[in-house]
Amino acid sequence: MREHLRQIWFLLATMSGLGVSPAFAADANHGADLARRWCASCHVVASGQTQASADVPSFASVARKPDFSAERLAFFLLDPHPKMPNFPLSRTEAADLAAYIGSLRQ
């Protein structure tokens, strides 16, 4: 059942990336709020931020990676890597955070 839900989420995330607007599209502004609240202690999450950990990538550098995908990042955030604190994100929050990071692509 869990795999089925992941497939549905992936389909919806893919549709939003293709310009099809599902009823609950990701909200980059909410993602920016989450980033400032939960992520800024380790990552540089905005251009005006002056302090973060030296050994973690900034959100802008993550966004600029050639293979960046908001959908893959949202899935990654739902199952964080070992060094990342345990912030239990909902699917919506993960998508919003990934949308914010994606908005930093230049």
PDB file of N, CA and C in Angstrom:
ATOM      1  N   MET A   1       0.826  -1.187   0.000  1.00  0.00           N
ATOM      2  CA  MET A   1       0.000   0.000   0.000  1.00  0.00           C
ATOM      3  C   MET A   1       0.878   1.261   0.000  1.00  0.00           C
ATOM      4  N   ARG A   2       1.951   1.247   0.800  1.00  0.00           N
ATOM      5  CA  ARG A   2       2.835   2.419   0.880  1.00  0.00           C
ATOM      6  C   ARG A   2       3.463   2.716  -0.485  1.00  0.00           C
ATOM      7  N   GLU A   3       3.848   1.657  -1.219  1.00  0.00           N
ATOM      8  CA  GLU A   3       4.432   1.844  -2.542  1.00  0.00           C
ATOM      9  C   GLU A   3       3.415   2.474  -3.481  1.00  0.00           C
ATOM     10  N   HIS A   4       2.170   2.085  -3.360  1.00  0.00           N
ATOM     11  CA  HIS A   4       1.108   2.653  -4.183  1.00  0.00           C
ATOM     12  C   HIS A   4       0.976   4.159  -3.916  1.00  0.00           C
ATOM     13  N   LEU A   5       1.052   4.546  -2.660  1.00  0.00           N
ATOM     14  CA  LEU A   5       0.964   5.969  -2.313  1.00  0.00           C
ATOM     15  C   LEU A   5       2.152   6.738  -2.865  1.00  0.00           C
ATOM     16  N   ARG A   6       3.333   6.144  -2.832  1.00  0.00           N
ATOM     17  CA  ARG A   6       4.519   6.800  -3.398  1.00  0.00           C
ATOM     18  C   ARG A   6       4.360   6.999  -4.903  1.00  0.00           C
ATOM     19  N   GLN A   7       3.776   6.010  -5.570  1.00  0.00           N
ATOM     20  CA  GLN A   7       3.564   6.120  -7.014  1.00  0.00           C
ATOM     21  C   GLN A   7       2.581   7.239  -7.330  1.00  0.00           C
ATOM     22  N   ILE A   8       1.523   7.349  -6.554  1.00  0.00           N
ATOM     23  CA  ILE A   8       0.552   8.430  -6.756  1.00  0.00           C
ATOM     24  C   ILE A   8       1.227   9.777  -6.524  1.00  0.00           C
ATOM     25  N   TRP A   9       2.010   9.882  -5.453  1.00  0.00           N
ATOM     26  CA  TRP A   9       2.701  11.138  -5.151  1.00  0.00           C
ATOM     27  C   TRP A   9       3.668  11.494  -6.278  1.00  0.00           C
ATOM     28  N   PHE A  10       4.398  10.513  -6.769  1.00  0.00           N
ATOM     29  CA  PHE A  10       5.333  10.762  -7.859  1.00  0.00           C
ATOM     30  C   PHE A  10       4.588  11.248  -9.098  1.00  0.00           C
ATOM     31  N   LEU A  11       3.466  10.652  -9.424  1.00  0.00           N
ATOM     32  CA  LEU A  11       2.671  11.070 -10.576  1.00  0.00           C
ATOM     33  C   LEU A  11       2.204  12.511 -10.419  1.00  0.00           C
ATOM     34  N   LEU A  12       1.717  12.853  -9.243  1.00  0.00           N
ATOM     35  CA  LEU A  12       1.262  14.229  -9.008  1.00  0.00           C
ATOM     36  C   LEU A  12       2.418  15.220  -9.078  1.00  0.00           C
ATOM     37  N   ALA A  13       3.564  14.836  -8.507  1.00  0.00           N
ATOM     38  CA  ALA A  13       4.727  15.725  -8.554  1.00  0.00           C
ATOM     39  C   ALA A  13       5.211  15.897  -9.986  1.00  0.00           C
ATOM     40  N   THR A  14       5.192  14.824 -10.752  1.00  0.00           N
ATOM     41  CA  THR A  14       5.600  14.903 -12.154  1.00  0.00           C
ATOM     42  C   THR A  14       4.647  15.780 -12.944  1.00  0.00           C
ATOM     43  N   MET A  15       3.354  15.645 -12.697  1.00  0.00           N
ATOM     44  CA  MET A  15       2.367  16.468 -13.402  1.00  0.00           C
ATOM     45  C   MET A  15       2.580  17.948 -13.107  1.00  0.00           C
ATOM     46  N   SER A  16       2.906  18.288 -11.862  1.00  0.00           N
ATOM     47  CA  SER A  16       3.130  19.696 -11.537  1.00  0.00           C
ATOM     48  C   SER A  16       4.366  20.219 -12.254  1.00  0.00           C
ATOM     49  N   GLY A  17       5.371  19.371 -12.445  1.00  0.00           N
ATOM     50  CA  GLY A  17       6.568  19.773 -13.166  1.00  0.00           C
ATOM     51  C   GLY A  17       6.327  19.954 -14.654  1.00  0.00           C
ATOM     52  N   LEU A  18       5.274  19.349 -15.177  1.00  0.00           N
ATOM     53  CA  LEU A  18       4.945  19.480 -16.590  1.00  0.00           C
ATOM     54  C   LEU A  18       3.964  20.611 -16.855  1.00  0.00           C
ATOM     55  N   GLY A  19       3.622  21.361 -15.828  1.00  0.00           N
ATOM     56  CA  GLY A  19       2.703  22.474 -16.009  1.00  0.00           C
ATOM     57  C   GLY A  19       1.253  22.121 -15.749  1.00  0.00           C
ATOM     58  N   VAL A  20       0.960  20.859 -15.429  1.00  0.00           N
ATOM     59  CA  VAL A  20      -0.396  20.474 -15.083  1.00  0.00           C
ATOM     60  C   VAL A  20      -0.578  20.813 -13.615  1.00  0.00           C
ATOM     61  N   SER A  21      -1.611  21.532 -13.280  1.00  0.00           N
ATOM     62  CA  SER A  21      -1.776  22.014 -11.915  1.00  0.00           C
ATOM     63  C   SER A  21      -2.729  21.146 -11.117  1.00  0.00           C
ATOM     64  N   PRO A  22      -2.210  20.253 -10.296  1.00  0.00           N
ATOM     65  CA  PRO A  22      -3.107  19.541  -9.411  1.00  0.00           C
ATOM     66  C   PRO A  22      -3.660  20.511  -8.376  1.00  0.00           C
ATOM     67  N   ALA A  23      -4.722  20.135  -7.724  1.00  0.00           N
ATOM     68  CA  ALA A  23      -5.396  21.018  -6.776  1.00  0.00           C
ATOM     69  C   ALA A  23      -4.485  21.448  -5.632  1.00  0.00           C
ATOM     70  N   PHE A  24      -3.476  20.651  -5.340  1.00  0.00           N
ATOM     71  CA  PHE A  24      -2.592  20.979  -4.223  1.00  0.00           C
ATOM     72  C   PHE A  24      -1.143  21.114  -4.688  1.00  0.00           C
ATOM     73  N   ALA A  25      -0.894  22.048  -5.554  1.00  0.00           N
ATOM     74  CA  ALA A  25       0.458  22.291  -6.054  1.00  0.00           C
ATOM     75  C   ALA A  25       1.352  22.786  -4.922  1.00  0.00           C
ATOM     76  N   ALA A  26       2.645  22.563  -5.071  1.00  0.00           N
ATOM     77  CA  ALA A  26       3.610  22.963  -4.046  1.00  0.00           C
ATOM     78  C   ALA A  26       3.644  24.474  -3.891  1.00  0.00           C
ATOM     79  N   ASP A  27       3.869  24.919  -2.659  1.00  0.00           N
ATOM     80  CA  ASP A  27       3.880  26.332  -2.306  1.00  0.00           C
ATOM     81  C   ASP A  27       5.297  26.736  -1.895  1.00  0.00           C
ATOM     82  N   ALA A  28       6.033  27.376  -2.820  1.00  0.00           N
ATOM     83  CA  ALA A  28       7.418  27.777  -2.548  1.00  0.00           C
ATOM     84  C   ALA A  28       7.505  28.780  -1.404  1.00  0.00           C
ATOM     85  N   ASN A  29       6.515  29.640  -1.238  1.00  0.00           N
ATOM     86  CA  ASN A  29       6.541  30.605  -0.129  1.00  0.00           C
ATOM     87  C   ASN A  29       6.469  29.893   1.219  1.00  0.00           C
ATOM     88  N   HIS A  30       5.630  28.887   1.312  1.00  0.00           N
ATOM     89  CA  HIS A  30       5.571  28.098   2.549  1.00  0.00           C
ATOM     90  C   HIS A  30       6.883  27.345   2.747  1.00  0.00           C
ATOM     91  N   GLY A  31       7.468  26.861   1.634  1.00  0.00           N
ATOM     92  CA  GLY A  31       8.763  26.195   1.711  1.00  0.00           C
ATOM     93  C   GLY A  31       9.852  27.116   2.238  1.00  0.00           C
ATOM     94  N   ALA A  32       9.806  28.387   1.829  1.00  0.00           N
ATOM     95  CA  ALA A  32      10.779  29.367   2.327  1.00  0.00           C
ATOM     96  C   ALA A  32      10.624  29.548   3.836  1.00  0.00           C
ATOM     97  N   ASP A  33       9.392  29.588   4.316  1.00  0.00           N
ATOM     98  CA  ASP A  33       9.153  29.699   5.759  1.00  0.00           C
ATOM     99  C   ASP A  33       9.702  28.478   6.497  1.00  0.00           C
ATOM    100  N   LEU A  34       9.439  27.292   5.952  1.00  0.00           N
ATOM    101  CA  LEU A  34       9.966  26.070   6.566  1.00  0.00           C
ATOM    102  C   LEU A  34      11.487  26.084   6.582  1.00  0.00           C
ATOM    103  N   ALA A  35      12.090  26.517   5.478  1.00  0.00           N
ATOM    104  CA  ALA A  35      13.554  26.558   5.380  1.00  0.00           C
ATOM    105  C   ALA A  35      14.147  27.470   6.446  1.00  0.00           C
ATOM    106  N   ARG A  36      13.570  28.637   6.598  1.00  0.00           N
ATOM    107  CA  ARG A  36      14.083  29.579   7.625  1.00  0.00           C
ATOM    108  C   ARG A  36      13.919  29.008   9.029  1.00  0.00           C
ATOM    109  N   ARG A  37      12.821  28.315   9.269  1.00  0.00           N
ATOM    110  CA  ARG A  37      12.537  27.802  10.609  1.00  0.00           C
ATOM    111  C   ARG A  37      13.331  26.539  10.924  1.00  0.00           C
ATOM    112  N   TRP A  38      13.444  25.604   9.982  1.00  0.00           N
ATOM    113  CA  TRP A  38      14.004  24.299  10.291  1.00  0.00           C
ATOM    114  C   TRP A  38      15.385  24.052   9.711  1.00  0.00           C
ATOM    115  N   CYS A  39      15.751  24.722   8.637  1.00  0.00           N
ATOM    116  CA  CYS A  39      16.964  24.342   7.901  1.00  0.00           C
ATOM    117  C   CYS A  39      18.113  25.339   8.041  1.00  0.00           C
ATOM    118  N   ALA A  40      17.803  26.580   8.417  1.00  0.00           N
ATOM    119  CA  ALA A  40      18.806  27.649   8.409  1.00  0.00           C
ATOM    120  C   ALA A  40      19.895  27.468   9.462  1.00  0.00           C
ATOM    121  N   SER A  41      19.695  26.612  10.434  1.00  0.00           N
ATOM    122  CA  SER A  41      20.759  26.415  11.422  1.00  0.00           C
ATOM    123  C   SER A  41      21.948  25.664  10.814  1.00  0.00           C
ATOM    124  N   CYS A  42      21.707  24.918   9.735  1.00  0.00           N
ATOM    125  CA  CYS A  42      22.793  24.186   9.073  1.00  0.00           C
ATOM    126  C   CYS A  42      23.062  24.680   7.655  1.00  0.00           C
ATOM    127  N   HIS A  43      22.024  24.963   6.891  1.00  0.00           N
ATOM    128  CA  HIS A  43      22.146  25.359   5.482  1.00  0.00           C
ATOM    129  C   HIS A  43      21.955  26.865   5.318  1.00  0.00           C
ATOM    130  N   VAL A  44      22.632  27.453   4.338  1.00  0.00           N
ATOM    131  CA  VAL A  44      22.301  28.808   3.917  1.00  0.00           C
ATOM    132  C   VAL A  44      21.060  28.641   3.050  1.00  0.00           C
ATOM    133  N   VAL A  45      19.946  29.203   3.510  1.00  0.00           N
ATOM    134  CA  VAL A  45      18.676  29.004   2.819  1.00  0.00           C
ATOM    135  C   VAL A  45      18.236  30.235   2.025  1.00  0.00           C
ATOM    136  N   ALA A  46      18.881  31.372   2.271  1.00  0.00           N
ATOM    137  CA  ALA A  46      18.517  32.613   1.571  1.00  0.00           C
ATOM    138  C   ALA A  46      19.763  33.461   1.392  1.00  0.00           C
ATOM    139  N   SER A  47      19.737  34.343   0.413  1.00  0.00           N
ATOM    140  CA  SER A  47      20.931  35.129   0.075  1.00  0.00           C
ATOM    141  C   SER A  47      21.395  36.035   1.211  1.00  0.00           C
ATOM    142  N   GLY A  48      20.527  36.496   2.054  1.00  0.00           N
ATOM    143  CA  GLY A  48      20.919  37.398   3.134  1.00  0.00           C
ATOM    144  C   GLY A  48      21.415  36.704   4.394  1.00  0.00           C
ATOM    145  N   GLN A  49      21.400  35.392   4.416  1.00  0.00           N
ATOM    146  CA  GLN A  49      21.806  34.648   5.603  1.00  0.00           C
ATOM    147  C   GLN A  49      23.315  34.734   5.793  1.00  0.00           C
ATOM    148  N   THR A  50      23.750  34.973   7.012  1.00  0.00           N
ATOM    149  CA  THR A  50      25.173  35.176   7.270  1.00  0.00           C
ATOM    150  C   THR A  50      25.853  34.011   7.976  1.00  0.00           C
ATOM    151  N   GLN A  51      25.090  33.038   8.491  1.00  0.00           N
ATOM    152  CA  GLN A  51      25.722  31.975   9.267  1.00  0.00           C
ATOM    153  C   GLN A  51      25.072  30.628   8.961  1.00  0.00           C
ATOM    154  N   ALA A  52      25.889  29.592   8.852  1.00  0.00           N
ATOM    155  CA  ALA A  52      25.437  28.218   8.663  1.00  0.00           C
ATOM    156  C   ALA A  52      26.626  27.292   8.865  1.00  0.00           C
ATOM    157  N   SER A  53      26.402  26.004   8.827  1.00  0.00           N
ATOM    158  CA  SER A  53      27.494  25.030   8.947  1.00  0.00           C
ATOM    159  C   SER A  53      28.331  25.052   7.671  1.00  0.00           C
ATOM    160  N   ALA A  54      29.612  24.888   7.829  1.00  0.00           N
ATOM    161  CA  ALA A  54      30.527  24.955   6.686  1.00  0.00           C
ATOM    162  C   ALA A  54      30.485  23.703   5.821  1.00  0.00           C
ATOM    163  N   ASP A  55      30.086  22.579   6.371  1.00  0.00           N
ATOM    164  CA  ASP A  55      30.178  21.316   5.632  1.00  0.00           C
ATOM    165  C   ASP A  55      28.864  20.864   4.986  1.00  0.00           C
ATOM    166  N   VAL A  56      27.898  21.765   4.857  1.00  0.00           N
ATOM    167  CA  VAL A  56      26.630  21.411   4.207  1.00  0.00           C
ATOM    168  C   VAL A  56      26.373  22.362   3.047  1.00  0.00           C
ATOM    169  N   PRO A  57      25.737  21.881   1.998  1.00  0.00           N
ATOM    170  CA  PRO A  57      25.517  22.743   0.825  1.00  0.00           C
ATOM    171  C   PRO A  57      24.447  23.801   1.081  1.00  0.00           C
ATOM    172  N   SER A  58      24.613  24.931   0.449  1.00  0.00           N
ATOM    173  CA  SER A  58      23.567  25.949   0.503  1.00  0.00           C
ATOM    174  C   SER A  58      22.402  25.476  -0.354  1.00  0.00           C
ATOM    175  N   PHE A  59      21.230  26.005  -0.109  1.00  0.00           N
ATOM    176  CA  PHE A  59      20.077  25.633  -0.918  1.00  0.00           C
ATOM    177  C   PHE A  59      20.261  26.078  -2.363  1.00  0.00           C
ATOM    178  N   ALA A  60      20.917  27.217  -2.581  1.00  0.00           N
ATOM    179  CA  ALA A  60      21.160  27.683  -3.949  1.00  0.00           C
ATOM    180  C   ALA A  60      22.071  26.713  -4.691  1.00  0.00           C
ATOM    181  N   SER A  61      23.085  26.170  -4.014  1.00  0.00           N
ATOM    182  CA  SER A  61      23.983  25.221  -4.686  1.00  0.00           C
ATOM    183  C   SER A  61      23.263  23.911  -4.989  1.00  0.00           C
ATOM    184  N   VAL A  62      22.359  23.506  -4.128  1.00  0.00           N
ATOM    185  CA  VAL A  62      21.559  22.308  -4.403  1.00  0.00           C
ATOM    186  C   VAL A  62      20.691  22.557  -5.634  1.00  0.00           C
ATOM    187  N   ALA A  63      20.071  23.717  -5.702  1.00  0.00           N
ATOM    188  CA  ALA A  63      19.184  24.053  -6.822  1.00  0.00           C
ATOM    189  C   ALA A  63      19.927  24.117  -8.147  1.00  0.00           C
ATOM    190  N   ARG A  64      21.190  24.519  -8.117  1.00  0.00           N
ATOM    191  CA  ARG A  64      21.970  24.683  -9.355  1.00  0.00           C
ATOM    192  C   ARG A  64      22.575  23.390  -9.875  1.00  0.00           C
ATOM    193  N   LYS A  65      22.442  22.301  -9.163  1.00  0.00           N
ATOM    194  CA  LYS A  65      22.999  21.031  -9.643  1.00  0.00           C
ATOM    195  C   LYS A  65      22.337  20.681 -10.977  1.00  0.00           C
ATOM    196  N   PRO A  66      23.133  20.210 -11.937  1.00  0.00           N
ATOM    197  CA  PRO A  66      22.587  19.911 -13.268  1.00  0.00           C
ATOM    198  C   PRO A  66      21.445  18.902 -13.247  1.00  0.00           C
ATOM    199  N   ASP A  67      21.489  17.962 -12.316  1.00  0.00           N
ATOM    200  CA  ASP A  67      20.454  16.933 -12.261  1.00  0.00           C
ATOM    201  C   ASP A  67      19.364  17.241 -11.229  1.00  0.00           C
ATOM    202  N   PHE A  68      19.230  18.515 -10.828  1.00  0.00           N
ATOM    203  CA  PHE A  68      18.233  18.892  -9.823  1.00  0.00           C
ATOM    204  C   PHE A  68      16.830  18.520 -10.280  1.00  0.00           C
ATOM    205  N   SER A  69      16.080  17.956  -9.375  1.00  0.00           N
ATOM    206  CA  SER A  69      14.677  17.636  -9.610  1.00  0.00           C
ATOM    207  C   SER A  69      13.929  17.888  -8.308  1.00  0.00           C
ATOM    208  N   ALA A  70      12.939  18.759  -8.339  1.00  0.00           N
ATOM    209  CA  ALA A  70      12.152  19.042  -7.132  1.00  0.00           C
ATOM    210  C   ALA A  70      11.451  17.779  -6.639  1.00  0.00           C
ATOM    211  N   GLU A  71      11.005  16.950  -7.565  1.00  0.00           N
ATOM    212  CA  GLU A  71      10.312  15.723  -7.177  1.00  0.00           C
ATOM    213  C   GLU A  71      11.245  14.776  -6.425  1.00  0.00           C
ATOM    214  N   ARG A  72      12.447  14.576  -6.955  1.00  0.00           N
ATOM    215  CA  ARG A  72      13.411  13.695  -6.276  1.00  0.00           C
ATOM    216  C   ARG A  72      13.820  14.280  -4.925  1.00  0.00           C
ATOM    217  N   LEU A  73      13.996  15.591  -4.866  1.00  0.00           N
ATOM    218  CA  LEU A  73      14.365  16.222  -3.598  1.00  0.00           C
ATOM    219  C   LEU A  73      13.258  16.046  -2.564  1.00  0.00           C
ATOM    220  N   ALA A  74      12.010  16.214  -2.966  1.00  0.00           N
ATOM    221  CA  ALA A  74      10.890  16.027  -2.032  1.00  0.00           C
ATOM    222  C   ALA A  74      10.907  14.611  -1.465  1.00  0.00           C
ATOM    223  N   PHE A  75      11.126  13.604  -2.317  1.00  0.00           N
ATOM    224  CA  PHE A  75      11.218  12.225  -1.827  1.00  0.00           C
ATOM    225  C   PHE A  75      12.398  12.052  -0.884  1.00  0.00           C
ATOM    226  N   PHE A  76      13.534  12.654  -1.215  1.00  0.00           N
ATOM    227  CA  PHE A  76      14.719  12.592  -0.353  1.00  0.00           C
ATOM    228  C   PHE A  76      14.402  13.182   1.023  1.00  0.00           C
ATOM    229  N   LEU A  77      13.685  14.294   1.053  1.00  0.00           N
ATOM    230  CA  LEU A  77      13.363  14.951   2.318  1.00  0.00           C
ATOM    231  C   LEU A  77      12.421  14.121   3.185  1.00  0.00           C
ATOM    232  N   LEU A  78      11.632  13.271   2.560  1.00  0.00           N
ATOM    233  CA  LEU A  78      10.738  12.398   3.329  1.00  0.00           C
ATOM    234  C   LEU A  78      11.492  11.264   4.002  1.00  0.00           C
ATOM    235  N   ASP A  79      12.659  10.935   3.489  1.00  0.00           N
ATOM    236  CA  ASP A  79      13.498   9.877   4.045  1.00  0.00           C
ATOM    237  C   ASP A  79      14.913  10.432   4.187  1.00  0.00           C
ATOM    238  N   PRO A  80      15.129  11.341   5.156  1.00  0.00           N
ATOM    239  CA  PRO A  80      16.376  12.103   5.221  1.00  0.00           C
ATOM    240  C   PRO A  80      17.623  11.257   5.441  1.00  0.00           C
ATOM    241  N   HIS A  81      18.763  11.843   5.027  1.00  0.00           N
ATOM    242  CA  HIS A  81      20.043  11.190   5.216  1.00  0.00           C
ATOM    243  C   HIS A  81      20.435  11.224   6.690  1.00  0.00           C
ATOM    244  N   PRO A  82      21.366  10.373   7.093  1.00  0.00           N
ATOM    245  CA  PRO A  82      21.686  10.238   8.520  1.00  0.00           C
ATOM    246  C   PRO A  82      22.137  11.510   9.225  1.00  0.00           C
ATOM    247  N   LYS A  83      22.848  12.403   8.544  1.00  0.00           N
ATOM    248  CA  LYS A  83      23.339  13.597   9.229  1.00  0.00           C
ATOM    249  C   LYS A  83      22.252  14.643   9.447  1.00  0.00           C
ATOM    250  N   MET A  84      21.135  14.515   8.748  1.00  0.00           N
ATOM    251  CA  MET A  84      20.073  15.508   8.854  1.00  0.00           C
ATOM    252  C   MET A  84      19.231  15.223  10.104  1.00  0.00           C
ATOM    253  N   PRO A  85      18.902  16.265  10.868  1.00  0.00           N
ATOM    254  CA  PRO A  85      18.053  16.051  12.046  1.00  0.00           C
ATOM    255  C   PRO A  85      16.713  15.446  11.641  1.00  0.00           C
ATOM    256  N   ASN A  86      16.073  14.796  12.574  1.00  0.00           N
ATOM    257  CA  ASN A  86      14.800  14.154  12.296  1.00  0.00           C
ATOM    258  C   ASN A  86      13.661  15.175  12.354  1.00  0.00           C
ATOM    259  N   PHE A  87      13.396  15.809  11.233  1.00  0.00           N
ATOM    260  CA  PHE A  87      12.260  16.706  11.104  1.00  0.00           C
ATOM    261  C   PHE A  87      11.188  15.947  10.347  1.00  0.00           C
ATOM    262  N   PRO A  88      10.154  15.508  11.027  1.00  0.00           N
ATOM    263  CA  PRO A  88       9.129  14.718  10.339  1.00  0.00           C
ATOM    264  C   PRO A  88       8.284  15.605   9.420  1.00  0.00           C
ATOM    265  N   LEU A  89       8.664  15.678   8.153  1.00  0.00           N
ATOM    266  CA  LEU A  89       7.945  16.496   7.187  1.00  0.00           C
ATOM    267  C   LEU A  89       6.771  15.720   6.608  1.00  0.00           C
ATOM    268  N   SER A  90       5.674  16.416   6.394  1.00  0.00           N
ATOM    269  CA  SER A  90       4.572  15.819   5.647  1.00  0.00           C
ATOM    270  C   SER A  90       4.943  15.852   4.168  1.00  0.00           C
ATOM    271  N   ARG A  91       4.199  15.158   3.351  1.00  0.00           N
ATOM    272  CA  ARG A  91       4.463  15.190   1.912  1.00  0.00           C
ATOM    273  C   ARG A  91       4.308  16.609   1.373  1.00  0.00           C
ATOM    274  N   THR A  92       3.313  17.311   1.860  1.00  0.00           N
ATOM    275  CA  THR A  92       3.086  18.689   1.414  1.00  0.00           C
ATOM    276  C   THR A  92       4.251  19.579   1.794  1.00  0.00           C
ATOM    277  N   GLU A  93       4.730  19.449   3.024  1.00  0.00           N
ATOM    278  CA  GLU A  93       5.875  20.251   3.467  1.00  0.00           C
ATOM    279  C   GLU A  93       7.126  19.933   2.659  1.00  0.00           C
ATOM    280  N   ALA A  94       7.364  18.652   2.386  1.00  0.00           N
ATOM    281  CA  ALA A  94       8.531  18.261   1.582  1.00  0.00           C
ATOM    282  C   ALA A  94       8.432  18.851   0.179  1.00  0.00           C
ATOM    283  N   ALA A  95       7.247  18.806  -0.415  1.00  0.00           N
ATOM    284  CA  ALA A  95       7.050  19.372  -1.754  1.00  0.00           C
ATOM    285  C   ALA A  95       7.224  20.887  -1.729  1.00  0.00           C
ATOM    286  N   ASP A  96       6.723  21.540  -0.683  1.00  0.00           N
ATOM    287  CA  ASP A  96       6.865  22.999  -0.564  1.00  0.00           C
ATOM    288  C   ASP A  96       8.329  23.388  -0.415  1.00  0.00           C
ATOM    289  N   LEU A  97       9.055  22.657   0.414  1.00  0.00           N
ATOM    290  CA  LEU A  97      10.475  22.932   0.621  1.00  0.00           C
ATOM    291  C   LEU A  97      11.260  22.710  -0.669  1.00  0.00           C
ATOM    292  N   ALA A  98      10.960  21.631  -1.375  1.00  0.00           N
ATOM    293  CA  ALA A  98      11.626  21.363  -2.657  1.00  0.00           C
ATOM    294  C   ALA A  98      11.282  22.431  -3.688  1.00  0.00           C
ATOM    295  N   ALA A  99      10.053  22.908  -3.675  1.00  0.00           N
ATOM    296  CA  ALA A  99       9.656  23.977  -4.609  1.00  0.00           C
ATOM    297  C   ALA A  99      10.424  25.260  -4.307  1.00  0.00           C
ATOM    298  N   TYR A 100      10.608  25.554  -3.023  1.00  0.00           N
ATOM    299  CA  TYR A 100      11.393  26.734  -2.659  1.00  0.00           C
ATOM    300  C   TYR A 100      12.826  26.591  -3.141  1.00  0.00           C
ATOM    301  N   ILE A 101      13.438  25.456  -2.890  1.00  0.00           N
ATOM    302  CA  ILE A 101      14.819  25.250  -3.323  1.00  0.00           C
ATOM    303  C   ILE A 101      14.897  25.357  -4.842  1.00  0.00           C
ATOM    304  N   GLY A 102      13.944  24.781  -5.532  1.00  0.00           N
ATOM    305  CA  GLY A 102      13.902  24.884  -6.980  1.00  0.00           C
ATOM    306  C   GLY A 102      13.779  26.319  -7.477  1.00  0.00           C
ATOM    307  N   SER A 103      13.119  27.163  -6.692  1.00  0.00           N
ATOM    308  CA  SER A 103      12.952  28.569  -7.085  1.00  0.00           C
ATOM    309  C   SER A 103      14.275  29.335  -7.022  1.00  0.00           C
ATOM    310  N   LEU A 104      15.296  28.755  -6.398  1.00  0.00           N
ATOM    311  CA  LEU A 104      16.595  29.405  -6.271  1.00  0.00           C
ATOM    312  C   LEU A 104      17.523  29.130  -7.450  1.00  0.00           C
ATOM    313  N   ARG A 105      17.056  28.325  -8.417  1.00  0.00           N
ATOM    314  CA  ARG A 105      17.880  28.036  -9.611  1.00  0.00           C
ATOM    315  C   ARG A 105      18.150  29.322 -10.362  1.00  0.00           C
ATOM    316  N   GLN A 106      19.395  29.511 -10.771  1.00  0.00           N
ATOM    317  CA  GLN A 106      19.731  30.724 -11.520  1.00  0.00           C
ATOM    318  C   GLN A 106      20.483  30.389 -12.763  1.00  0.00           C
TER     319      GLN A 106
END
